Amino acid sequence: MQAAPHREWTEQDDALLDAILALRARWEEHRGALTLEQCALDPHLTTVVVSGLCSRHGQFVAEWTGRAGDRAPLDARCPAALPMRCTERCPVFVLV
């Protein structure tokens, strides 16, 4: 079995570790009887990944979160964050 290649530790890694440690502390505080509501999580939400093509900035991938019964969007705003946000709305398709 080969070892995974080395990669630099990132801010996202710090945030993930902080979230895991906070969840562990809450779990222990509630003696293992922790509900999603106590974690401020809504079990009725779902997140999908959509992809679109902005005529100004090219292809983009973004996350969309909605209620579990909602349909994924047919279009989305380009997420480019140059000096000002792009206001272009583009057709999208769901990746995941």
Protein backbone atom coordinates (compact mmCIF):
# COMPACT_ATOMS: atom_id res chain seq x y z
CA MET A 1 0.00 0.00 0.00
CA GLN A 2 1.44 3.34 -1.06
CA ALA A 3 1.34 6.40 1.17
CA ALA A 4 -0.75 9.32 -0.04
CA PRO A 5 1.31 12.09 -1.64
CA HIS A 6 2.20 14.97 0.70
CA ARG A 7 0.12 18.12 0.39
CA GLU A 8 0.23 21.44 2.18
CA TRP A 9 -2.16 22.10 5.09
CA THR A 10 -4.76 24.72 4.08
CA GLU A 11 -7.25 27.04 5.73
CA GLN A 12 -9.99 24.63 4.64
CA ASP A 13 -8.23 21.87 6.58
CA ASP A 14 -8.18 24.11 9.66
CA ALA A 15 -11.89 24.86 9.27
CA LEU A 16 -12.72 21.16 8.85
CA LEU A 17 -10.69 20.20 11.92
CA ASP A 18 -12.35 22.97 13.96
CA ALA A 19 -15.79 21.70 12.89
CA ILE A 20 -14.92 18.11 13.83
CA LEU A 21 -13.61 19.17 17.24
CA ALA A 22 -16.69 21.35 17.89
CA LEU A 23 -18.99 18.45 16.96
CA ARG A 24 -17.05 16.11 19.25
CA ALA A 25 -17.38 18.59 22.15
CA ARG A 26 -21.15 18.90 21.59
CA TRP A 27 -21.46 15.11 21.34
CA GLU A 28 -19.69 14.66 24.66
CA GLU A 29 -21.69 17.51 26.24
CA HIS A 30 -24.94 15.73 25.32
CA ARG A 31 -23.55 12.30 26.24
CA GLY A 32 -24.02 10.92 22.74
CA ALA A 33 -27.68 11.93 22.44
CA LEU A 34 -27.21 14.78 20.02
CA THR A 35 -29.89 15.60 17.43
CA LEU A 36 -29.54 17.41 14.13
CA GLU A 37 -31.70 20.21 15.52
CA GLN A 38 -29.27 20.70 18.43
CA CYS A 39 -26.49 21.05 15.84
CA ALA A 40 -28.57 23.66 13.97
CA LEU A 41 -28.75 21.36 10.94
CA ASP A 42 -31.84 21.01 8.79
CA PRO A 43 -32.26 17.42 7.57
CA HIS A 44 -34.62 18.64 4.87
CA LEU A 45 -31.92 20.55 2.96
CA THR A 46 -30.00 19.15 0.04
CA THR A 47 -26.99 20.48 -1.87
CA VAL A 48 -26.20 19.81 -5.51
CA VAL A 49 -23.31 20.90 -7.70
CA VAL A 50 -24.25 22.75 -10.88
CA SER A 51 -22.16 23.78 -13.86
CA GLY A 52 -22.78 26.64 -16.25
CA LEU A 53 -21.08 28.70 -18.92
CA CYS A 54 -20.81 32.47 -18.46
CA SER A 55 -20.32 34.34 -21.74
CA ARG A 56 -17.86 36.69 -20.00
CA HIS A 57 -15.95 34.39 -17.61
CA GLY A 58 -16.27 30.91 -19.07
CA GLN A 59 -17.29 27.68 -17.40
CA PHE A 60 -18.05 27.65 -13.67
CA VAL A 61 -19.07 25.13 -11.06
CA ALA A 62 -21.12 26.17 -8.03
CA GLU A 63 -23.12 24.64 -5.18
CA TRP A 64 -26.86 25.15 -4.83
CA THR A 65 -28.66 24.37 -1.57
CA GLY A 66 -32.42 24.05 -1.27
CA ARG A 67 -35.19 22.07 0.39
CA ALA A 68 -35.11 18.33 -0.29
CA GLY A 69 -38.26 18.46 -2.46
CA ASP A 70 -37.19 21.49 -4.52
CA ARG A 71 -36.00 21.11 -8.08
CA ALA A 72 -32.45 22.19 -8.84
CA PRO A 73 -32.24 25.57 -10.60
CA LEU A 74 -32.27 25.89 -14.37
CA ASP A 75 -29.98 28.91 -14.21
CA ALA A 76 -27.52 30.50 -11.79
CA ARG A 77 -25.55 33.71 -11.44
CA CYS A 78 -21.92 33.51 -12.48
CA PRO A 79 -19.85 33.32 -9.26
CA ALA A 80 -16.91 35.34 -10.65
CA ALA A 81 -15.72 37.75 -7.98
CA LEU A 82 -13.46 40.12 -9.83
CA PRO A 83 -13.60 43.79 -8.77
CA MET A 84 -17.41 43.45 -8.78
CA ARG A 85 -19.60 40.35 -8.87
CA CYS A 86 -20.71 39.21 -12.29
CA THR A 87 -24.46 39.60 -12.76
CA GLU A 88 -24.73 37.26 -15.73
CA ARG A 89 -27.34 34.52 -15.28
CA CYS A 90 -26.45 31.33 -17.13
CA PRO A 91 -28.24 28.05 -17.84
CA VAL A 92 -26.85 25.26 -15.65
CA PHE A 93 -26.99 21.50 -15.39
CA VAL A 94 -26.63 19.37 -12.28
CA LEU A 95 -23.33 17.51 -11.83
CA VAL A 96 -23.96 15.85 -8.44
